[in-house]
């Protein structure tokens, strides 16, 4: 059982939004790599899940890159530190949109395939 076709379309349509852009802007304003927690605090979110999945998507898209790791002063765990890859905000927005379009191209439309006997 997979996602309903309408859910997949809605997900792709809304995939990169204001939160992605705000997170990317936080990295672009920083001179040093940031942890996920630092981004959460800069943007004023209460939960790590408000930023962590979006950061993963921005890494997957190429707008962010993992640079190093450090020990989190809150949890004591080793965490990643990321930076923007150097795109300007307008270009990064285009890159995000292009990545979303490319991801959609990788999803085959099985309805156009002929059934083999």
C-alpha atoms as a PDB file:
ATOM      1  CA  UNK A   1       0.000   0.000   0.000  1.00  0.00           C
ATOM      2  CA  UNK A   2       1.481   3.334  -1.057  1.00  0.00           C
ATOM      3  CA  UNK A   3       0.514   6.937  -0.900  1.00  0.00           C
ATOM      4  CA  UNK A   4      -2.628   8.041  -2.697  1.00  0.00           C
ATOM      5  CA  UNK A   5      -1.896   9.706  -6.055  1.00  0.00           C
ATOM      6  CA  UNK A   6      -3.378  13.014  -4.842  1.00  0.00           C
ATOM      7  CA  UNK A   7      -1.169  12.928  -1.742  1.00  0.00           C
ATOM      8  CA  UNK A   8       1.925  12.481  -3.867  1.00  0.00           C
ATOM      9  CA  UNK A   9       0.952  15.417  -6.098  1.00  0.00           C
ATOM     10  CA  UNK A  10       0.231  17.606  -3.055  1.00  0.00           C
ATOM     11  CA  UNK A  11       3.552  16.630  -1.477  1.00  0.00           C
ATOM     12  CA  UNK A  12       5.480  17.585  -4.611  1.00  0.00           C
ATOM     13  CA  UNK A  13       3.554  20.835  -5.017  1.00  0.00           C
ATOM     14  CA  UNK A  14       4.305  21.968  -1.455  1.00  0.00           C
ATOM     15  CA  UNK A  15       7.670  20.328  -1.016  1.00  0.00           C
ATOM     16  CA  UNK A  16       9.874  23.400  -0.732  1.00  0.00           C
ATOM     17  CA  UNK A  17       8.245  26.294   0.995  1.00  0.00           C
ATOM     18  CA  UNK A  18       8.768  29.171   3.368  1.00  0.00           C
ATOM     19  CA  UNK A  19      10.412  27.048   6.058  1.00  0.00           C
ATOM     20  CA  UNK A  20      13.028  25.762   3.606  1.00  0.00           C
ATOM     21  CA  UNK A  21      13.751  29.302   2.491  1.00  0.00           C
ATOM     22  CA  UNK A  22      14.005  30.562   6.090  1.00  0.00           C
ATOM     23  CA  UNK A  23      16.407  27.747   7.009  1.00  0.00           C
ATOM     24  CA  UNK A  24      18.515  28.346   3.915  1.00  0.00           C
ATOM     25  CA  UNK A  25      18.613  32.083   4.680  1.00  0.00           C
ATOM     26  CA  UNK A  26      19.823  31.336   8.243  1.00  0.00           C
ATOM     27  CA  UNK A  27      22.748  29.356   6.817  1.00  0.00           C
ATOM     28  CA  UNK A  28      23.496  32.035   4.233  1.00  0.00           C
ATOM     29  CA  UNK A  29      23.703  34.710   6.962  1.00  0.00           C
ATOM     30  CA  UNK A  30      26.176  32.652   8.994  1.00  0.00           C
ATOM     31  CA  UNK A  31      29.933  32.842   8.518  1.00  0.00           C
ATOM     32  CA  UNK A  32      30.420  29.473  10.217  1.00  0.00           C
ATOM     33  CA  UNK A  33      28.768  26.056   9.930  1.00  0.00           C
ATOM     34  CA  UNK A  34      25.624  25.655  12.060  1.00  0.00           C
ATOM     35  CA  UNK A  35      24.155  22.674  13.880  1.00  0.00           C
ATOM     36  CA  UNK A  36      20.483  21.811  13.475  1.00  0.00           C
ATOM     37  CA  UNK A  37      19.888  23.068  17.035  1.00  0.00           C
ATOM     38  CA  UNK A  38      21.519  26.408  16.274  1.00  0.00           C
ATOM     39  CA  UNK A  39      19.236  26.849  13.261  1.00  0.00           C
ATOM     40  CA  UNK A  40      16.231  25.957  15.419  1.00  0.00           C
ATOM     41  CA  UNK A  41      17.234  28.592  17.963  1.00  0.00           C
ATOM     42  CA  UNK A  42      18.029  31.290  15.363  1.00  0.00           C
ATOM     43  CA  UNK A  43      14.605  30.818  13.781  1.00  0.00           C
ATOM     44  CA  UNK A  44      12.789  30.595  17.135  1.00  0.00           C
ATOM     45  CA  UNK A  45      11.298  27.109  16.738  1.00  0.00           C
ATOM     46  CA  UNK A  46      10.522  24.985  19.800  1.00  0.00           C
ATOM     47  CA  UNK A  47      11.058  21.543  18.256  1.00  0.00           C
ATOM     48  CA  UNK A  48      14.031  20.052  16.427  1.00  0.00           C
ATOM     49  CA  UNK A  49      11.585  18.400  14.018  1.00  0.00           C
ATOM     50  CA  UNK A  50      10.658  21.876  12.775  1.00  0.00           C
ATOM     51  CA  UNK A  51      14.077  22.139  11.111  1.00  0.00           C
ATOM     52  CA  UNK A  52      15.782  18.736  10.921  1.00  0.00           C
ATOM     53  CA  UNK A  53      13.690  17.197   8.101  1.00  0.00           C
ATOM     54  CA  UNK A  54      13.922  20.419   6.080  1.00  0.00           C
ATOM     55  CA  UNK A  55      17.700  20.526   6.578  1.00  0.00           C
ATOM     56  CA  UNK A  56      17.936  16.925   5.315  1.00  0.00           C
ATOM     57  CA  UNK A  57      15.933  17.893   2.219  1.00  0.00           C
ATOM     58  CA  UNK A  58      18.156  20.921   1.589  1.00  0.00           C
ATOM     59  CA  UNK A  59      21.244  18.685   1.874  1.00  0.00           C
ATOM     60  CA  UNK A  60      19.696  16.174  -0.535  1.00  0.00           C
ATOM     61  CA  UNK A  61      18.958  19.002  -2.943  1.00  0.00           C
ATOM     62  CA  UNK A  62      22.504  20.386  -2.807  1.00  0.00           C
ATOM     63  CA  UNK A  63      21.625  23.742  -1.231  1.00  0.00           C
ATOM     64  CA  UNK A  64      23.428  22.748   2.022  1.00  0.00           C
ATOM     65  CA  UNK A  65      26.502  20.639   2.681  1.00  0.00           C
ATOM     66  CA  UNK A  66      27.670  18.882   5.847  1.00  0.00           C
ATOM     67  CA  UNK A  67      31.008  20.422   6.771  1.00  0.00           C
ATOM     68  CA  UNK A  68      31.977  18.988  10.139  1.00  0.00           C
ATOM     69  CA  UNK A  69      30.649  17.678  13.425  1.00  0.00           C
ATOM     70  CA  UNK A  70      30.686  18.840  17.021  1.00  0.00           C
ATOM     71  CA  UNK A  71      29.404  17.780  20.413  1.00  0.00           C
ATOM     72  CA  UNK A  72      25.960  19.179  21.239  1.00  0.00           C
ATOM     73  CA  UNK A  73      26.070  21.023  24.589  1.00  0.00           C
ATOM     74  CA  UNK A  74      22.435  20.029  25.285  1.00  0.00           C
ATOM     75  CA  UNK A  75      22.464  16.306  24.440  1.00  0.00           C
ATOM     76  CA  UNK A  76      26.190  15.502  24.536  1.00  0.00           C
ATOM     77  CA  UNK A  77      25.831  13.708  21.187  1.00  0.00           C
ATOM     78  CA  UNK A  78      27.976  14.258  18.123  1.00  0.00           C
ATOM     79  CA  UNK A  79      25.970  16.330  15.628  1.00  0.00           C
ATOM     80  CA  UNK A  80      26.504  17.641  12.113  1.00  0.00           C
ATOM     81  CA  UNK A  81      27.411  21.203  11.198  1.00  0.00           C
ATOM     82  CA  UNK A  82      26.274  22.431   7.788  1.00  0.00           C
ATOM     83  CA  UNK A  83      26.810  25.431   5.532  1.00  0.00           C
ATOM     84  CA  UNK A  84      25.072  26.826   2.474  1.00  0.00           C
ATOM     85  CA  UNK A  85      26.764  25.748  -0.734  1.00  0.00           C
ATOM     86  CA  UNK A  86      27.212  29.309  -1.971  1.00  0.00           C
ATOM     87  CA  UNK A  87      24.063  29.827  -4.026  1.00  0.00           C
ATOM     88  CA  UNK A  88      22.473  33.259  -3.827  1.00  0.00           C
ATOM     89  CA  UNK A  89      18.909  33.250  -2.418  1.00  0.00           C
ATOM     90  CA  UNK A  90      17.350  33.633  -5.864  1.00  0.00           C
ATOM     91  CA  UNK A  91      19.533  30.913  -7.387  1.00  0.00           C
ATOM     92  CA  UNK A  92      19.043  28.607  -4.388  1.00  0.00           C
ATOM     93  CA  UNK A  93      15.294  28.951  -4.735  1.00  0.00           C
ATOM     94  CA  UNK A  94      15.642  27.949  -8.388  1.00  0.00           C
ATOM     95  CA  UNK A  95      17.868  25.017  -7.429  1.00  0.00           C
ATOM     96  CA  UNK A  96      15.283  23.863  -4.881  1.00  0.00           C
ATOM     97  CA  UNK A  97      12.539  24.066  -7.512  1.00  0.00           C
ATOM     98  CA  UNK A  98      14.744  22.271 -10.041  1.00  0.00           C
ATOM     99  CA  UNK A  99      15.506  19.480  -7.566  1.00  0.00           C
ATOM    100  CA  UNK A 100      11.794  19.051  -6.910  1.00  0.00           C
ATOM    101  CA  UNK A 101      11.099  18.902 -10.630  1.00  0.00           C
ATOM    102  CA  UNK A 102      13.920  16.383 -11.131  1.00  0.00           C
ATOM    103  CA  UNK A 103      12.581  14.229  -8.272  1.00  0.00           C
ATOM    104  CA  UNK A 104       9.201  14.215  -9.998  1.00  0.00           C
ATOM    105  CA  UNK A 105      10.837  13.094 -13.228  1.00  0.00           C
ATOM    106  CA  UNK A 106      12.283  10.068 -11.437  1.00  0.00           C
ATOM    107  CA  UNK A 107       8.825   8.820 -10.471  1.00  0.00           C
ATOM    108  CA  UNK A 108       7.650   6.702 -13.394  1.00  0.00           C
ATOM    109  CA  UNK A 109       4.098   7.084 -14.669  1.00  0.00           C
ATOM    110  CA  UNK A 110       3.072   3.439 -14.844  1.00  0.00           C
ATOM    111  CA  UNK A 111      -0.238   4.297 -16.504  1.00  0.00           C
ATOM    112  CA  UNK A 112       1.589   4.889 -19.802  1.00  0.00           C
ATOM    113  CA  UNK A 113       3.304   1.506 -19.776  1.00  0.00           C
ATOM    114  CA  UNK A 114       1.845  -1.300 -21.802  1.00  0.00           C
ATOM    115  CA  UNK A 115       1.083  -4.448 -19.897  1.00  0.00           C
ATOM    116  CA  UNK A 116       3.254  -7.393 -20.883  1.00  0.00           C
ATOM    117  CA  UNK A 117       1.522 -10.685 -21.479  1.00  0.00           C
END
